[in-house]
Each structure stands twice: as structure tokens, then as C-alpha cells.
Amino acid sequence: MHQPVFVAANDPKFFTHTFILYSVKQHQDVARYTLLASDGSFYLGQKQCRAEQLKFMSQLQLTQDIYEELPKEKFFPLLNTETIKVFTGPVESSYFKRQNVTISETYSPCYLKFLMRELLSVEEVAKNPHPNICEYRGAVVNEISGRVVGLAYKGYTIDLWKFAGSKRLVAQTQIDKIVEGVAAGLKHLHAHGLVHCDVHPGNIFLTVVPGPGMGAVETVEEVVLGDFDACRKAGERIRGKLAAPAWIGHAWVSGSKAVFDIDLCALESVKRWLGSKMVQKKKA
């Protein structure tokens, strides 16, 4: 069983390094979080507050409640940066996907595996870019440790789950645009022998702009499929992550072969879900 490495409160590196708030999770009235140091060290801390309050705290406040150093090799792969695309910018228009570290499974090997799987998948996909596939901008590499600490993508307005949940799905034209975009993205992946394996509204991203005129329907400009940590080559055995039965039924489970029908089944489920989420606009 892993023994935590407890950190001394007066550790000099807390005064010589900078830290970023890497991940946050609320556990009842306690916010647990991880900090990534400028030298690549990784720390676990917690405060009795709401998770959203952490981003307004100073570095000193956050480091005061660090209680354990996590082994970075369990989370971040060390790769030859000459063989992968390294992120160089732009920062402002990018989204950074980080390890979603949960406290109950802190040392699970799944974190490293999922990051590696997504990295290898998007490196392959990026060789043949497509307007309905999330734009990959490179691996985020810590300059000191040389480890990949995240992946950078183009930022989009909102994911489909949140868009529909905020009652902004009000027209059939929006649904048609979304379905056509996801279908085109899947067709491209399948043409290159890849199965996404986790198609659902949270992995579909939109760029949305206001429609012309007061009260006009918002225009969905871009529809892209993202999140490739479950992606497999067609025919490969599925191990670990897979879309929930709500989207693909019970025909496929961990250990099944990855086939294109998994994605096509999920697309049909997304279509039905979109129909159930459309809000009828009230006439003026």
C-alpha cells in the first residue's frame, strides 16, 4: 500500500517555485486540489471552502494546506519531445485538458494510461485534420521535468450538454447542424481506422454566435468531436473507458472489439436526446 509523502510546511521550494492550480474536486464542505509546481512537482492539498473559491486565493494560501507530494511519474509521461507536437501557443484561445485527479483513486494507473492513449490518438488524428474534429495544438510539456502535464486544444464556446441544459437549443436547424457535424467527424475518424468509443453530448463542442437581430436563434458555427482518451483502432480490444449504456446500449462492454457501430449507435442516441431537449420558443 502506498505511504503518503508528507510535506513540511517550511519546505523552501514553496518560496522558490511558482504553482498552478491543476485540478479541483468538491468533497462535501472540503475542496481538495492538486498544485503543479514550476519544477514539475505535484502536490495534494485541501481547504474547508467551496471549490470555486480556490481560484481567487494566493499561492501562499494554497501552499499552506498542501499535505502530500504525489509521484509525478504516476500521472505524467516522460516522452521524447522530438517525436510529438509540443504546444507553443496561442494561450488565449486554447483549452487545456488536464488529468482529472480524484482523491479516492489518487494512485490509479488509469490517469497515465488515459493521457497516453489520448496523446497517441490525437497525434494520429492531427496528421489528417478535419473541421469536425477538435483542433489539437500540442502536448503541454513542463520545461524542467520534461513530462507531459496536459494537452492543448482550440477552445470552443460550450459543450453540447451545457448548451442544451441552458435551454438554448430552440431550432431544428441547430439540431441538423450538430448531427451533420458529428456524423462528418465520425466518418473522418472511421476512414482512418479509428473508433471514438465515447460519443456523448459532453464530448461534442460548439462555437455559437448570436443570431442576426433581437431575439434571433443563436447560430451554431462549429461542431467538433473531442476527448479521445477512449479512442481505439478498429478491431482493437476495448480496455477501460467506454461510452455509457445510455448512449450505446449493452451490446459492447470492456473486452469487446472496437467497431464503427459503437459510434454510429451513440450518434443515433444523441439524435434522439437532442430531439427531447429542444425548447419551443414562445411567439412574440
Protein backbone atom coordinates (compact mmCIF):
# COMPACT_ATOMS: atom_id res chain seq x y z
CA MET A 1 0.00 0.00 0.00
CA HIS A 2 1.30 3.45 -0.91
CA GLN A 3 2.54 5.54 2.00
CA PRO A 4 1.92 9.30 1.57
CA VAL A 5 4.98 11.55 1.41
CA PHE A 6 4.06 14.31 3.79
CA VAL A 7 5.39 17.76 3.01
CA ALA A 8 6.97 20.05 5.58
CA ALA A 9 5.24 23.41 5.77
CA ASN A 10 8.60 25.21 5.65
CA ASP A 11 9.84 23.38 2.56
CA PRO A 12 11.99 26.00 0.76
CA LYS A 13 10.59 25.12 -2.66
CA PHE A 14 7.29 26.73 -1.64
CA PHE A 15 9.15 30.04 -1.65
CA THR A 16 11.30 29.50 -4.74
CA HIS A 17 8.82 27.92 -7.17
CA THR A 18 5.57 29.05 -8.69
CA PHE A 19 2.45 26.89 -8.66
CA ILE A 20 -0.66 26.49 -10.77
CA LEU A 21 -3.97 25.16 -9.52
CA TYR A 22 -4.11 21.95 -11.54
CA SER A 23 -7.32 20.16 -10.53
CA VAL A 24 -10.11 20.69 -8.00
CA LYS A 25 -12.85 18.47 -6.59
CA GLN A 26 -15.51 19.23 -4.00
CA HIS A 27 -16.00 16.66 -1.23
CA GLN A 28 -18.92 17.84 0.89
CA ASP A 29 -17.66 21.01 2.61
CA VAL A 30 -13.99 20.41 1.71
CA ALA A 31 -12.30 21.43 -1.54
CA ARG A 32 -9.47 19.07 -2.43
CA TYR A 33 -6.99 20.17 -5.05
CA THR A 34 -3.69 19.50 -6.74
CA LEU A 35 -0.94 22.01 -7.44
CA LEU A 36 1.66 21.67 -10.17
CA ALA A 37 4.96 23.36 -9.32
CA SER A 38 7.21 25.06 -11.86
CA ASP A 39 9.77 22.26 -11.42
CA GLY A 40 7.16 19.62 -12.29
CA SER A 41 6.47 18.51 -8.71
CA PHE A 42 2.84 17.61 -7.97
CA TYR A 43 1.06 18.24 -4.67
CA LEU A 44 -2.22 17.45 -2.97
CA GLY A 45 -3.99 19.88 -0.65
CA GLN A 46 -7.38 20.63 0.83
CA LYS A 47 -9.27 23.55 2.35
CA GLN A 48 -12.62 23.87 4.06
CA CYS A 49 -14.28 26.03 1.43
CA ARG A 50 -16.12 25.86 -1.87
CA ALA A 51 -14.04 24.71 -4.85
CA GLU A 52 -14.74 27.89 -6.82
CA GLN A 53 -13.12 29.98 -4.07
CA LEU A 54 -9.71 28.43 -4.68
CA LYS A 55 -9.05 30.29 -7.92
CA PHE A 56 -9.20 33.60 -6.04
CA MET A 57 -6.60 32.54 -3.45
CA SER A 58 -2.94 33.48 -3.48
CA GLN A 59 -0.15 30.99 -3.99
CA LEU A 60 0.77 31.34 -0.32
CA GLN A 61 -2.78 30.48 0.77
CA LEU A 62 -2.87 27.41 -1.46
CA THR A 63 0.53 26.05 -0.43
CA GLN A 64 -0.28 26.43 3.28
CA ASP A 65 -2.65 23.48 3.05
CA ILE A 66 -0.58 21.10 0.96
CA TYR A 67 -0.23 17.81 2.81
CA GLU A 68 1.23 15.36 0.34
CA GLU A 69 3.59 15.24 -2.62
CA LEU A 70 2.33 12.97 -5.38
CA PRO A 71 4.69 10.89 -7.54
CA LYS A 72 4.64 12.74 -10.87
CA GLU A 73 5.69 9.61 -12.77
CA LYS A 74 2.29 8.11 -11.90
CA PHE A 75 0.49 10.89 -13.78
CA PHE A 76 2.71 12.49 -16.40
CA PRO A 77 4.60 10.58 -19.10
CA LEU A 78 8.20 11.38 -19.97
CA LEU A 79 8.42 11.42 -23.77
CA ASN A 80 10.84 12.43 -26.47
CA THR A 81 9.58 15.89 -27.45
CA GLU A 82 11.08 15.46 -30.91
CA THR A 83 8.51 12.76 -31.68
CA ILE A 84 5.37 14.65 -30.56
CA LYS A 85 3.83 18.02 -31.24
CA VAL A 86 4.67 20.40 -28.39
CA PHE A 87 2.28 23.25 -27.59
CA THR A 88 3.75 26.70 -28.29
CA GLY A 89 0.59 28.83 -28.31
CA PRO A 90 -1.60 30.75 -28.58
CA VAL A 91 -2.66 30.55 -24.92
CA GLU A 92 -5.68 32.87 -25.00
CA SER A 93 -7.76 30.87 -27.49
CA SER A 94 -6.74 27.43 -26.23
CA TYR A 95 -8.31 24.91 -23.88
CA PHE A 96 -6.00 22.83 -21.70
CA LYS A 97 -7.08 19.33 -20.79
CA ARG A 98 -5.54 18.16 -17.52
CA GLN A 99 -5.59 14.96 -15.54
CA ASN A 100 -8.86 14.78 -13.62
CA VAL A 101 -7.24 13.57 -10.42
CA THR A 102 -9.72 12.34 -7.82
CA ILE A 103 -8.67 11.81 -4.25
CA SER A 104 -10.16 8.35 -3.72
CA GLU A 105 -8.20 6.94 -6.67
CA THR A 106 -5.12 9.13 -6.49
CA TYR A 107 -2.66 6.39 -7.46
CA SER A 108 -4.77 4.59 -10.04
CA PRO A 109 -2.73 3.74 -13.17
CA CYS A 110 -5.68 4.89 -15.31
CA TYR A 111 -4.51 8.53 -15.27
CA LEU A 112 -1.25 7.83 -17.07
CA LYS A 113 -2.91 5.33 -19.43
CA PHE A 114 -5.72 7.68 -20.44
CA LEU A 115 -3.34 10.59 -21.06
CA MET A 116 -1.06 8.39 -23.16
CA ARG A 117 -4.00 6.98 -25.11
CA GLU A 118 -5.39 10.41 -25.89
CA LEU A 119 -1.96 11.78 -26.76
CA LEU A 120 -1.25 8.97 -29.22
CA SER A 121 -4.75 9.21 -30.69
CA VAL A 122 -4.71 12.96 -31.27
CA GLU A 123 -1.18 12.83 -32.66
CA GLU A 124 -2.52 10.35 -35.24
CA VAL A 125 -5.70 12.34 -35.91
CA ALA A 126 -3.75 15.59 -36.28
CA LYS A 127 -1.94 14.16 -39.30
CA ASN A 128 -5.28 14.44 -41.13
CA PRO A 129 -7.14 17.45 -39.65
CA HIS A 130 -10.87 17.86 -40.20
CA PRO A 131 -13.24 20.77 -39.43
CA ASN A 132 -15.45 18.50 -37.29
CA ILE A 133 -12.62 17.14 -35.15
CA CYS A 134 -11.37 19.19 -32.21
CA GLU A 135 -8.24 21.11 -33.25
CA TYR A 136 -5.21 19.70 -31.42
CA ARG A 137 -2.49 22.24 -30.62
CA GLY A 138 0.08 20.05 -28.91
CA ALA A 139 1.25 18.48 -25.69
CA VAL A 140 1.94 20.80 -22.75
CA VAL A 141 5.42 19.88 -21.51
CA ASN A 142 6.96 21.04 -18.24
CA GLU A 143 10.29 22.63 -19.17
CA ILE A 144 12.14 21.30 -16.12
CA SER A 145 10.77 17.78 -15.69
CA GLY A 146 10.23 17.21 -19.42
CA ARG A 147 6.93 15.48 -18.62
CA VAL A 148 3.67 15.93 -20.49
CA VAL A 149 1.30 17.60 -17.99
CA GLY A 150 -1.65 18.22 -20.31
CA LEU A 151 -2.93 18.56 -23.85
CA ALA A 152 -3.85 21.79 -25.64
CA TYR A 153 -6.83 22.17 -27.97
CA LYS A 154 -8.54 25.08 -29.63
CA GLY A 155 -11.14 26.49 -27.25
CA TYR A 156 -14.82 26.34 -28.21
CA THR A 157 -17.80 28.21 -26.77
CA ILE A 158 -19.55 25.38 -24.94
CA ASP A 159 -20.12 21.64 -24.92
CA LEU A 160 -23.41 20.24 -26.19
CA TRP A 161 -24.50 19.04 -22.76
CA LYS A 162 -24.31 22.55 -21.30
CA PHE A 163 -25.74 24.17 -24.43
CA ALA A 164 -28.88 22.05 -24.29
CA GLY A 165 -29.06 22.31 -20.49
CA SER A 166 -29.13 26.11 -20.69
CA LYS A 167 -32.25 25.86 -22.91
CA ARG A 168 -30.52 27.39 -25.94
CA LEU A 169 -31.43 24.53 -28.25
CA VAL A 170 -34.52 26.06 -29.84
CA ALA A 171 -34.49 25.26 -33.57
CA GLN A 172 -34.37 22.22 -35.82
CA THR A 173 -31.68 23.96 -37.87
CA GLN A 174 -29.41 23.86 -34.80
CA ILE A 175 -30.03 20.14 -34.33
CA ASP A 176 -29.42 19.42 -38.02
CA LYS A 177 -26.12 21.31 -37.93
CA ILE A 178 -24.97 19.42 -34.82
CA VAL A 179 -25.92 15.98 -36.10
CA GLU A 180 -24.34 16.60 -39.50
CA GLY A 181 -21.15 17.84 -37.87
CA VAL A 182 -20.77 14.87 -35.54
CA ALA A 183 -21.57 12.45 -38.39
CA ALA A 184 -18.91 14.08 -40.58
CA GLY A 185 -16.35 13.92 -37.76
CA LEU A 186 -17.06 10.23 -37.19
CA LYS A 187 -16.88 9.47 -40.91
CA HIS A 188 -13.41 11.03 -40.96
CA LEU A 189 -12.23 9.06 -37.92
CA HIS A 190 -13.60 5.82 -39.33
CA ALA A 191 -11.94 6.46 -42.69
CA HIS A 192 -8.63 6.42 -40.82
CA GLY A 193 -9.45 3.23 -38.94
CA LEU A 194 -10.28 4.82 -35.58
CA VAL A 195 -13.29 4.31 -33.29
CA HIS A 196 -14.04 7.14 -30.85
CA CYS A 197 -15.82 4.81 -28.34
CA ASP A 198 -17.18 7.62 -26.16
CA VAL A 199 -19.57 9.77 -28.20
CA HIS A 200 -21.98 11.70 -25.96
CA PRO A 201 -23.04 15.36 -25.53
CA GLY A 202 -20.21 16.17 -23.12
CA ASN A 203 -17.64 15.29 -25.81
CA ILE A 204 -19.25 17.38 -28.55
CA PHE A 205 -18.14 21.02 -28.62
CA LEU A 206 -19.75 24.02 -30.28
CA THR A 207 -18.82 27.51 -31.36
CA VAL A 208 -22.00 29.55 -31.02
CA VAL A 209 -22.60 33.15 -32.10
CA PRO A 210 -25.64 35.43 -31.70
CA GLY A 211 -28.18 35.29 -34.50
CA PRO A 212 -29.00 38.38 -36.57
CA GLY A 213 -31.49 40.68 -34.88
CA MET A 214 -33.08 40.92 -31.46
CA GLY A 215 -34.26 37.55 -30.13
CA ALA A 216 -32.90 35.64 -33.11
CA VAL A 217 -31.88 31.98 -32.80
CA GLU A 218 -28.19 31.56 -32.00
CA THR A 219 -26.10 30.27 -34.87
CA VAL A 220 -24.05 27.12 -34.35
CA GLU A 221 -20.92 27.94 -36.36
CA GLU A 222 -18.72 24.98 -35.46
CA VAL A 223 -19.41 21.44 -34.30
CA VAL A 224 -16.48 19.27 -33.31
CA LEU A 225 -15.95 15.90 -31.69
CA GLY A 226 -13.36 15.86 -28.91
CA ASP A 227 -11.98 13.85 -25.96
CA PHE A 228 -10.03 10.95 -27.41
CA ASP A 229 -8.90 9.08 -24.29
CA ALA A 230 -11.20 6.15 -25.13
CA CYS A 231 -10.28 6.09 -28.84
CA ARG A 232 -9.21 2.74 -30.30
CA LYS A 233 -8.11 1.34 -33.60
CA ALA A 234 -10.86 -0.67 -35.29
CA GLY A 235 -10.63 -4.29 -34.18
CA GLU A 236 -8.63 -3.48 -31.03
CA ARG A 237 -9.95 -4.74 -27.70
CA ILE A 238 -11.60 -2.10 -25.52
CA ARG A 239 -9.97 -1.81 -22.11
CA GLY A 240 -11.23 0.70 -19.59
CA LYS A 241 -13.15 3.71 -20.82
CA LEU A 242 -16.25 3.25 -22.98
CA ALA A 243 -19.46 5.21 -23.56
CA ALA A 244 -22.20 4.53 -21.02
CA PRO A 245 -25.06 2.14 -21.92
CA ALA A 246 -27.37 5.16 -22.14
CA TRP A 247 -25.60 6.00 -25.40
CA ILE A 248 -24.56 2.62 -26.82
CA GLY A 249 -26.83 0.09 -25.12
CA HIS A 250 -25.45 -3.17 -23.71
CA ALA A 251 -24.05 -4.78 -26.85
CA TRP A 252 -20.48 -3.62 -26.11
CA VAL A 253 -18.52 -3.84 -22.87
CA SER A 254 -14.90 -3.72 -21.77
CA GLY A 255 -13.17 -6.51 -23.66
CA SER A 256 -15.33 -6.13 -26.78
CA LYS A 257 -13.67 -5.29 -30.08
CA ALA A 258 -13.82 -1.65 -31.17
CA VAL A 259 -16.15 -1.42 -34.16
CA PHE A 260 -17.60 1.56 -36.02
CA ASP A 261 -21.13 0.58 -34.96
CA ILE A 262 -20.33 1.70 -31.40
CA ASP A 263 -20.03 5.29 -32.63
CA LEU A 264 -22.98 5.04 -35.02
CA CYS A 265 -25.20 3.71 -32.23
CA ALA A 266 -24.12 6.60 -29.99
CA LEU A 267 -24.84 9.08 -32.78
CA GLU A 268 -28.41 7.78 -33.04
CA SER A 269 -28.80 8.14 -29.25
CA VAL A 270 -27.50 11.72 -29.43
CA LYS A 271 -30.05 12.47 -32.19
CA ARG A 272 -32.93 11.24 -30.00
CA TRP A 273 -31.57 13.13 -27.00
CA LEU A 274 -31.37 16.36 -29.00
CA GLY A 275 -35.00 15.98 -30.03
CA SER A 276 -36.03 15.62 -26.40
CA LYS A 277 -34.04 18.70 -25.38
CA MET A 278 -35.33 21.18 -27.95
CA VAL A 279 -37.18 24.09 -26.33
CA GLN A 280 -40.12 25.61 -28.16
CA LYS A 281 -39.61 29.37 -28.44
CA LYS A 282 -42.59 31.44 -27.38
CA LYS A 283 -44.04 33.59 -30.11
CA ALA A 284 -43.74 37.32 -29.53
